């Protein structure tokens, strides 16, 4: 399996508001940058979209060391998703999971790869995270001149 290091980030100007997502990945000596945006979205949706788009861009199953600065994504993966699945994608208080369609997409992408998760503190000097943040903000600019 190809080993890939990946950093993802989301940005939102207003919440909800104009949003962007960014992905920086490295495999061997190769680097790839991805970004995009949406006109009306939330920060959580952009954080999830970044991870989904990063994993989706991999054309074959990979061993992915994924770095995120989103507690929402980390908690969703490590704590909440197993319960959501058991409960038919409902929260513990029987309400529909927010952003369920994105969580389903992420679950599908995770089935293709072997992913190890690392949480990094945002805006703390991690070079990969800083690059993903720049890309997410570039994604915002693709939607409007915020």
N, C-alpha and C. Protein backbone atom coordinates (compact mmCIF):
# COMPACT_ATOMS: atom_id res chain seq x y z
N UNK A 1 0.84 -1.20 0.00
CA UNK A 1 0.00 0.00 0.00
C UNK A 1 0.87 1.25 0.00
N UNK A 2 0.47 2.21 -0.78
CA UNK A 2 1.17 3.49 -0.82
C UNK A 2 0.92 4.24 0.47
N UNK A 3 1.98 4.79 1.06
CA UNK A 3 1.85 5.58 2.29
C UNK A 3 1.72 7.06 1.93
N UNK A 4 0.65 7.67 2.42
CA UNK A 4 0.35 9.07 2.14
C UNK A 4 0.20 9.81 3.46
N UNK A 5 0.81 10.99 3.55
CA UNK A 5 0.57 11.88 4.68
C UNK A 5 -0.38 12.96 4.19
N UNK A 6 -1.42 13.24 4.98
CA UNK A 6 -2.44 14.18 4.54
C UNK A 6 -2.84 15.11 5.69
N UNK A 7 -2.98 16.39 5.35
CA UNK A 7 -3.49 17.40 6.29
C UNK A 7 -4.72 18.02 5.66
N UNK A 8 -5.77 18.20 6.44
CA UNK A 8 -7.00 18.79 5.92
C UNK A 8 -7.45 19.92 6.83
N UNK A 9 -8.19 20.87 6.24
CA UNK A 9 -8.72 21.97 7.05
C UNK A 9 -9.94 22.57 6.35
N UNK A 10 -10.80 23.15 7.14
CA UNK A 10 -11.95 23.87 6.64
C UNK A 10 -11.94 25.28 7.15
N UNK A 11 -12.59 26.18 6.43
CA UNK A 11 -12.68 27.58 6.82
C UNK A 11 -14.07 28.08 6.49
N UNK A 12 -14.54 29.02 7.28
CA UNK A 12 -15.86 29.59 7.02
C UNK A 12 -15.85 31.05 7.45
N UNK A 13 -16.29 31.92 6.58
CA UNK A 13 -16.39 33.36 6.89
C UNK A 13 -17.84 33.63 7.24
N UNK A 14 -18.12 33.58 8.53
CA UNK A 14 -19.48 33.52 9.04
C UNK A 14 -19.79 32.05 9.21
N UNK A 15 -20.68 31.72 10.12
CA UNK A 15 -20.97 30.30 10.36
C UNK A 15 -22.45 30.15 10.67
N UNK A 16 -23.33 30.03 9.67
CA UNK A 16 -23.00 29.72 8.29
C UNK A 16 -22.52 30.94 7.51
N UNK A 17 -21.88 30.65 6.41
CA UNK A 17 -21.35 31.68 5.53
C UNK A 17 -20.60 31.05 4.37
N UNK A 18 -19.77 31.86 3.73
CA UNK A 18 -18.94 31.38 2.63
C UNK A 18 -17.84 30.50 3.23
N UNK A 19 -17.67 29.31 2.66
CA UNK A 19 -16.70 28.38 3.23
C UNK A 19 -15.74 27.83 2.21
N UNK A 20 -14.65 27.28 2.73
CA UNK A 20 -13.65 26.65 1.88
C UNK A 20 -13.04 25.46 2.59
N UNK A 21 -12.49 24.57 1.81
CA UNK A 21 -11.79 23.40 2.34
C UNK A 21 -10.45 23.27 1.63
N UNK A 22 -9.48 22.70 2.33
CA UNK A 22 -8.16 22.51 1.75
C UNK A 22 -7.54 21.20 2.17
N UNK A 23 -6.75 20.64 1.28
CA UNK A 23 -6.04 19.38 1.52
C UNK A 23 -4.62 19.53 1.02
N UNK A 24 -3.68 19.17 1.87
CA UNK A 24 -2.28 19.08 1.47
C UNK A 24 -1.85 17.65 1.71
N UNK A 25 -1.31 17.00 0.68
CA UNK A 25 -0.85 15.64 0.87
C UNK A 25 0.54 15.44 0.29
N UNK A 26 1.21 14.48 0.89
CA UNK A 26 2.58 14.16 0.48
C UNK A 26 2.72 12.64 0.41
N UNK A 27 3.29 12.17 -0.68
CA UNK A 27 3.61 10.75 -0.81
C UNK A 27 4.97 10.68 -1.49
N UNK A 28 5.92 10.16 -0.76
CA UNK A 28 7.30 10.14 -1.25
C UNK A 28 7.77 11.57 -1.45
N UNK A 29 8.27 11.86 -2.65
CA UNK A 29 8.73 13.21 -2.98
C UNK A 29 7.65 14.04 -3.66
N UNK A 30 6.47 13.48 -3.78
CA UNK A 30 5.38 14.17 -4.47
C UNK A 30 4.47 14.88 -3.47
N UNK A 31 3.99 16.04 -3.87
CA UNK A 31 3.04 16.80 -3.06
C UNK A 31 1.84 17.16 -3.94
N UNK A 32 0.67 17.23 -3.31
CA UNK A 32 -0.54 17.61 -4.03
C UNK A 32 -1.36 18.52 -3.13
N UNK A 33 -1.97 19.53 -3.75
CA UNK A 33 -2.84 20.46 -3.05
C UNK A 33 -4.21 20.44 -3.70
N UNK A 34 -5.25 20.43 -2.88
CA UNK A 34 -6.62 20.49 -3.34
C UNK A 34 -7.36 21.55 -2.54
N UNK A 35 -8.32 22.20 -3.17
CA UNK A 35 -9.15 23.15 -2.43
C UNK A 35 -10.44 23.40 -3.20
N UNK A 36 -11.42 23.89 -2.48
CA UNK A 36 -12.70 24.23 -3.08
C UNK A 36 -13.53 25.00 -2.08
N UNK A 37 -14.71 25.42 -2.49
CA UNK A 37 -15.53 26.21 -1.59
C UNK A 37 -17.01 26.08 -1.88
N UNK A 38 -17.80 26.62 -0.97
CA UNK A 38 -19.25 26.65 -1.10
C UNK A 38 -19.75 28.00 -0.65
N UNK A 39 -20.82 28.47 -1.30
CA UNK A 39 -21.34 29.80 -1.03
C UNK A 39 -22.01 29.92 0.34
N UNK A 40 -22.72 28.90 0.76
CA UNK A 40 -23.41 28.95 2.06
C UNK A 40 -23.22 27.61 2.74
N UNK A 41 -22.43 27.60 3.80
CA UNK A 41 -22.07 26.36 4.46
C UNK A 41 -21.67 26.65 5.90
N UNK A 42 -21.15 25.63 6.58
CA UNK A 42 -20.67 25.81 7.95
C UNK A 42 -19.23 25.31 8.03
N UNK A 43 -18.56 25.70 9.08
CA UNK A 43 -17.19 25.25 9.30
C UNK A 43 -17.13 23.73 9.41
N UNK A 44 -18.06 23.13 10.15
CA UNK A 44 -18.05 21.67 10.30
C UNK A 44 -18.21 20.97 8.96
N UNK A 45 -19.07 21.48 8.10
CA UNK A 45 -19.25 20.87 6.78
C UNK A 45 -17.95 20.97 5.96
N UNK A 46 -17.25 22.08 6.08
CA UNK A 46 -16.01 22.26 5.32
C UNK A 46 -14.91 21.35 5.87
N UNK A 47 -14.87 21.16 7.19
CA UNK A 47 -13.88 20.24 7.78
C UNK A 47 -14.11 18.82 7.26
N UNK A 48 -15.36 18.39 7.24
CA UNK A 48 -15.70 17.06 6.74
C UNK A 48 -15.40 16.94 5.24
N UNK A 49 -15.77 17.96 4.48
CA UNK A 49 -15.56 17.94 3.04
C UNK A 49 -14.08 17.83 2.71
N UNK A 50 -13.24 18.51 3.46
CA UNK A 50 -11.80 18.43 3.21
C UNK A 50 -11.30 17.00 3.33
N UNK A 51 -11.70 16.31 4.39
CA UNK A 51 -11.26 14.92 4.58
C UNK A 51 -11.80 14.04 3.46
N UNK A 52 -13.08 14.20 3.14
CA UNK A 52 -13.70 13.39 2.08
C UNK A 52 -12.98 13.61 0.75
N UNK A 53 -12.77 14.87 0.38
CA UNK A 53 -12.13 15.16 -0.91
C UNK A 53 -10.69 14.67 -0.95
N UNK A 54 -10.00 14.78 0.16
CA UNK A 54 -8.62 14.28 0.21
C UNK A 54 -8.57 12.78 -0.01
N UNK A 55 -9.41 12.04 0.69
CA UNK A 55 -9.43 10.58 0.54
C UNK A 55 -9.95 10.18 -0.84
N UNK A 56 -10.93 10.90 -1.34
CA UNK A 56 -11.51 10.59 -2.66
C UNK A 56 -10.47 10.78 -3.77
N UNK A 57 -9.54 11.70 -3.59
CA UNK A 57 -8.54 11.99 -4.61
C UNK A 57 -7.53 10.85 -4.79
N UNK A 58 -7.45 9.97 -3.81
CA UNK A 58 -6.52 8.85 -3.90
C UNK A 58 -7.12 7.79 -4.83
N UNK A 59 -6.40 7.46 -5.88
CA UNK A 59 -6.95 6.60 -6.93
C UNK A 59 -6.88 5.11 -6.60
N UNK A 60 -6.14 4.75 -5.57
CA UNK A 60 -6.07 3.35 -5.15
C UNK A 60 -6.01 3.32 -3.62
N UNK A 61 -6.31 2.19 -3.00
CA UNK A 61 -6.26 2.10 -1.54
C UNK A 61 -4.86 2.48 -1.04
N UNK A 62 -4.84 3.31 0.01
CA UNK A 62 -3.58 3.79 0.56
C UNK A 62 -3.58 3.68 2.08
N UNK A 63 -2.38 3.71 2.62
CA UNK A 63 -2.19 3.83 4.05
C UNK A 63 -2.02 5.33 4.31
N UNK A 64 -3.01 5.93 4.97
CA UNK A 64 -3.06 7.38 5.10
C UNK A 64 -2.83 7.80 6.55
N UNK A 65 -1.82 8.65 6.76
CA UNK A 65 -1.61 9.30 8.05
C UNK A 65 -2.31 10.66 7.93
N UNK A 66 -3.50 10.75 8.51
CA UNK A 66 -4.36 11.92 8.35
C UNK A 66 -4.25 12.83 9.56
N UNK A 67 -3.99 14.12 9.29
CA UNK A 67 -3.84 15.12 10.34
C UNK A 67 -4.99 16.12 10.21
N UNK A 68 -5.78 16.27 11.27
CA UNK A 68 -6.90 17.22 11.26
C UNK A 68 -6.82 18.10 12.50
N UNK A 69 -7.36 19.32 12.39
CA UNK A 69 -7.42 20.19 13.56
C UNK A 69 -8.85 20.35 14.06
N UNK A 70 -9.74 19.52 13.56
CA UNK A 70 -11.16 19.60 13.90
C UNK A 70 -11.53 18.58 14.96
N UNK A 71 -11.91 19.08 16.14
CA UNK A 71 -12.41 18.19 17.19
C UNK A 71 -13.70 17.52 16.74
N UNK A 72 -14.51 18.24 15.97
CA UNK A 72 -15.77 17.70 15.45
C UNK A 72 -15.51 16.44 14.63
N UNK A 73 -14.56 16.50 13.71
CA UNK A 73 -14.25 15.35 12.87
C UNK A 73 -13.65 14.23 13.73
N UNK A 74 -12.70 14.56 14.58
CA UNK A 74 -12.06 13.54 15.42
C UNK A 74 -13.08 12.85 16.32
N UNK A 75 -13.92 13.62 17.01
CA UNK A 75 -14.93 13.02 17.88
C UNK A 75 -15.92 12.19 17.08
N UNK A 76 -16.31 12.69 15.91
CA UNK A 76 -17.23 11.95 15.08
C UNK A 76 -16.68 10.59 14.70
N UNK A 77 -15.42 10.55 14.32
CA UNK A 77 -14.79 9.29 13.90
C UNK A 77 -14.53 8.38 15.09
N UNK A 78 -13.92 8.93 16.13
CA UNK A 78 -13.45 8.10 17.23
C UNK A 78 -14.50 7.79 18.30
N UNK A 79 -15.50 8.65 18.44
CA UNK A 79 -16.46 8.45 19.53
C UNK A 79 -17.90 8.26 19.06
N UNK A 80 -18.36 9.09 18.14
CA UNK A 80 -19.79 9.14 17.84
C UNK A 80 -20.25 8.19 16.75
N UNK A 81 -19.45 8.00 15.70
CA UNK A 81 -19.93 7.25 14.53
C UNK A 81 -20.37 5.83 14.86
N UNK A 82 -19.65 5.08 15.68
CA UNK A 82 -20.13 3.72 15.97
C UNK A 82 -21.56 3.72 16.55
N UNK A 83 -21.85 4.64 17.44
CA UNK A 83 -23.19 4.74 18.02
C UNK A 83 -24.22 5.18 16.99
N UNK A 84 -23.84 6.13 16.14
CA UNK A 84 -24.76 6.57 15.09
C UNK A 84 -25.15 5.41 14.20
N UNK A 85 -24.18 4.60 13.83
CA UNK A 85 -24.46 3.45 12.97
C UNK A 85 -25.40 2.47 13.67
N UNK A 86 -25.11 2.18 14.94
CA UNK A 86 -25.96 1.26 15.71
C UNK A 86 -27.39 1.78 15.81
N UNK A 87 -27.53 3.11 15.93
CA UNK A 87 -28.84 3.74 16.14
C UNK A 87 -29.50 4.19 14.84
N UNK A 88 -29.06 3.68 13.70
CA UNK A 88 -29.66 4.06 12.43
C UNK A 88 -29.42 5.51 12.08
N UNK A 89 -28.20 6.00 12.36
CA UNK A 89 -27.78 7.37 12.09
C UNK A 89 -28.64 8.39 12.84
N UNK A 90 -28.91 8.03 14.08
CA UNK A 90 -29.57 8.95 15.02
C UNK A 90 -28.61 9.18 16.19
N UNK A 91 -28.72 10.37 16.80
CA UNK A 91 -27.89 10.69 17.97
C UNK A 91 -28.43 9.94 19.18
N UNK A 92 -27.73 10.04 20.30
CA UNK A 92 -28.17 9.35 21.52
C UNK A 92 -29.53 9.85 21.99
N UNK A 93 -29.89 11.09 21.63
CA UNK A 93 -31.23 11.57 21.99
C UNK A 93 -32.23 11.42 20.84
N UNK A 94 -31.93 10.47 19.93
CA UNK A 94 -32.85 10.04 18.86
C UNK A 94 -33.10 11.08 17.77
N UNK A 95 -32.24 12.08 17.66
CA UNK A 95 -32.36 13.09 16.60
C UNK A 95 -31.47 12.68 15.43
N UNK A 96 -31.85 13.11 14.21
CA UNK A 96 -30.99 12.78 13.06
C UNK A 96 -29.60 13.41 13.21
N UNK A 97 -28.59 12.67 12.78
CA UNK A 97 -27.21 13.17 12.82
C UNK A 97 -27.09 14.34 11.87
N UNK A 98 -26.51 15.45 12.35
CA UNK A 98 -26.26 16.59 11.48
C UNK A 98 -25.17 16.23 10.48
N UNK A 99 -25.34 16.72 9.27
CA UNK A 99 -24.38 16.47 8.18
C UNK A 99 -24.26 14.98 7.85
N UNK A 100 -25.36 14.25 8.05
CA UNK A 100 -25.33 12.79 7.87
C UNK A 100 -24.83 12.38 6.48
N UNK A 101 -25.22 13.12 5.44
CA UNK A 101 -24.79 12.73 4.10
C UNK A 101 -23.27 12.80 3.97
N UNK A 102 -22.65 13.77 4.64
CA UNK A 102 -21.19 13.87 4.60
C UNK A 102 -20.54 12.76 5.43
N UNK A 103 -21.12 12.45 6.58
CA UNK A 103 -20.59 11.35 7.39
C UNK A 103 -20.68 10.03 6.62
N UNK A 104 -21.76 9.82 5.86
CA UNK A 104 -21.89 8.62 5.03
C UNK A 104 -20.79 8.59 3.97
N UNK A 105 -20.56 9.73 3.32
CA UNK A 105 -19.51 9.80 2.30
C UNK A 105 -18.14 9.51 2.91
N UNK A 106 -17.90 10.08 4.09
CA UNK A 106 -16.62 9.83 4.76
C UNK A 106 -16.48 8.36 5.12
N UNK A 107 -17.54 7.76 5.62
CA UNK A 107 -17.52 6.35 5.97
C UNK A 107 -17.18 5.51 4.74
N UNK A 108 -17.77 5.84 3.59
CA UNK A 108 -17.47 5.12 2.35
C UNK A 108 -15.99 5.26 1.96
N UNK A 109 -15.45 6.46 2.09
CA UNK A 109 -14.04 6.68 1.74
C UNK A 109 -13.11 5.95 2.72
N UNK A 110 -13.49 5.93 3.99
CA UNK A 110 -12.66 5.25 4.99
C UNK A 110 -12.58 3.74 4.72
N UNK A 111 -13.64 3.20 4.11
CA UNK A 111 -13.65 1.77 3.80
C UNK A 111 -12.61 1.42 2.72
N UNK A 112 -12.18 2.40 1.96
CA UNK A 112 -11.22 2.17 0.87
C UNK A 112 -9.76 2.21 1.34
N UNK A 113 -9.51 2.82 2.47
CA UNK A 113 -8.14 3.10 2.89
C UNK A 113 -7.89 2.63 4.32
N UNK A 114 -6.62 2.54 4.65
CA UNK A 114 -6.21 2.28 6.04
C UNK A 114 -5.76 3.63 6.59
N UNK A 115 -6.56 4.21 7.50
CA UNK A 115 -6.33 5.58 7.96
C UNK A 115 -5.96 5.60 9.43
N UNK A 116 -4.87 6.31 9.74
CA UNK A 116 -4.54 6.60 11.13
C UNK A 116 -4.78 8.10 11.34
N UNK A 117 -5.42 8.44 12.44
CA UNK A 117 -5.86 9.81 12.70
C UNK A 117 -4.96 10.48 13.73
N UNK A 118 -4.59 11.72 13.45
CA UNK A 118 -3.82 12.54 14.39
C UNK A 118 -4.48 13.91 14.47
N UNK A 119 -4.78 14.33 15.68
CA UNK A 119 -5.31 15.68 15.87
C UNK A 119 -4.14 16.63 16.08
N UNK A 120 -4.14 17.75 15.38
CA UNK A 120 -3.13 18.79 15.56
C UNK A 120 -3.84 20.07 15.95
N UNK A 121 -3.21 20.85 16.78
CA UNK A 121 -3.78 22.13 17.16
C UNK A 121 -3.66 23.09 15.98
N UNK A 122 -4.78 23.69 15.59
CA UNK A 122 -4.77 24.64 14.48
C UNK A 122 -4.00 25.89 14.81
N UNK A 123 -3.39 26.48 13.80
CA UNK A 123 -2.68 27.75 13.92
C UNK A 123 -1.57 27.69 14.97
N UNK A 124 -0.91 26.54 15.05
CA UNK A 124 0.14 26.39 16.06
C UNK A 124 1.50 26.11 15.43
N UNK A 125 1.61 26.30 14.11
CA UNK A 125 2.91 26.16 13.48
C UNK A 125 3.17 24.83 12.81
N UNK A 126 2.23 23.88 12.85
CA UNK A 126 2.42 22.62 12.13
C UNK A 126 2.42 22.95 10.64
N UNK A 127 3.54 22.71 9.93
CA UNK A 127 3.64 23.13 8.53
C UNK A 127 2.54 22.57 7.63
N UNK A 128 2.20 21.31 7.78
CA UNK A 128 1.15 20.72 6.96
C UNK A 128 -0.20 21.33 7.24
N UNK A 129 -0.50 21.56 8.52
CA UNK A 129 -1.77 22.17 8.89
C UNK A 129 -1.85 23.61 8.41
N UNK A 130 -0.76 24.34 8.50
CA UNK A 130 -0.75 25.73 8.03
C UNK A 130 -1.00 25.78 6.52
N UNK A 131 -0.44 24.82 5.80
CA UNK A 131 -0.64 24.77 4.35
C UNK A 131 -2.09 24.43 4.02
N UNK A 132 -2.67 23.47 4.75
CA UNK A 132 -4.08 23.12 4.54
C UNK A 132 -4.98 24.31 4.86
N UNK A 133 -4.63 25.07 5.88
CA UNK A 133 -5.40 26.27 6.24
C UNK A 133 -5.34 27.31 5.11
N UNK A 134 -4.16 27.51 4.55
CA UNK A 134 -4.02 28.44 3.42
C UNK A 134 -4.88 27.99 2.25
N UNK A 135 -4.90 26.69 1.99
CA UNK A 135 -5.70 26.16 0.89
C UNK A 135 -7.19 26.32 1.16
N UNK A 136 -7.61 26.10 2.40
CA UNK A 136 -9.03 26.28 2.75
C UNK A 136 -9.44 27.73 2.53
N UNK A 137 -8.59 28.66 2.91
CA UNK A 137 -8.89 30.07 2.69
C UNK A 137 -8.88 30.42 1.20
N UNK A 138 -8.03 29.75 0.43
CA UNK A 138 -8.04 29.92 -1.02
C UNK A 138 -9.36 29.39 -1.58
N UNK A 139 -9.87 28.31 -0.99
CA UNK A 139 -11.16 27.78 -1.39
C UNK A 139 -12.29 28.77 -1.16
N UNK A 140 -12.22 29.51 -0.06
CA UNK A 140 -13.21 30.56 0.21
C UNK A 140 -13.21 31.57 -0.93
N UNK A 141 -12.01 31.93 -1.38
CA UNK A 141 -11.89 32.94 -2.43
C UNK A 141 -12.41 32.49 -3.78
N UNK A 142 -12.50 31.15 -3.97
CA UNK A 142 -13.05 30.67 -5.24
C UNK A 142 -14.55 30.93 -5.33
N UNK A 143 -15.16 31.16 -4.17
CA UNK A 143 -16.61 31.39 -4.12
C UNK A 143 -16.94 32.87 -4.15
N UNK A 144 -16.17 33.66 -3.41
CA UNK A 144 -16.40 35.11 -3.40
C UNK A 144 -15.15 35.83 -2.94
N UNK A 145 -15.16 37.10 -3.03
CA UNK A 145 -14.02 37.90 -2.59
C UNK A 145 -14.21 38.38 -1.17
N UNK A 146 -14.29 37.42 -0.24
CA UNK A 146 -14.48 37.75 1.17
C UNK A 146 -13.15 38.20 1.73
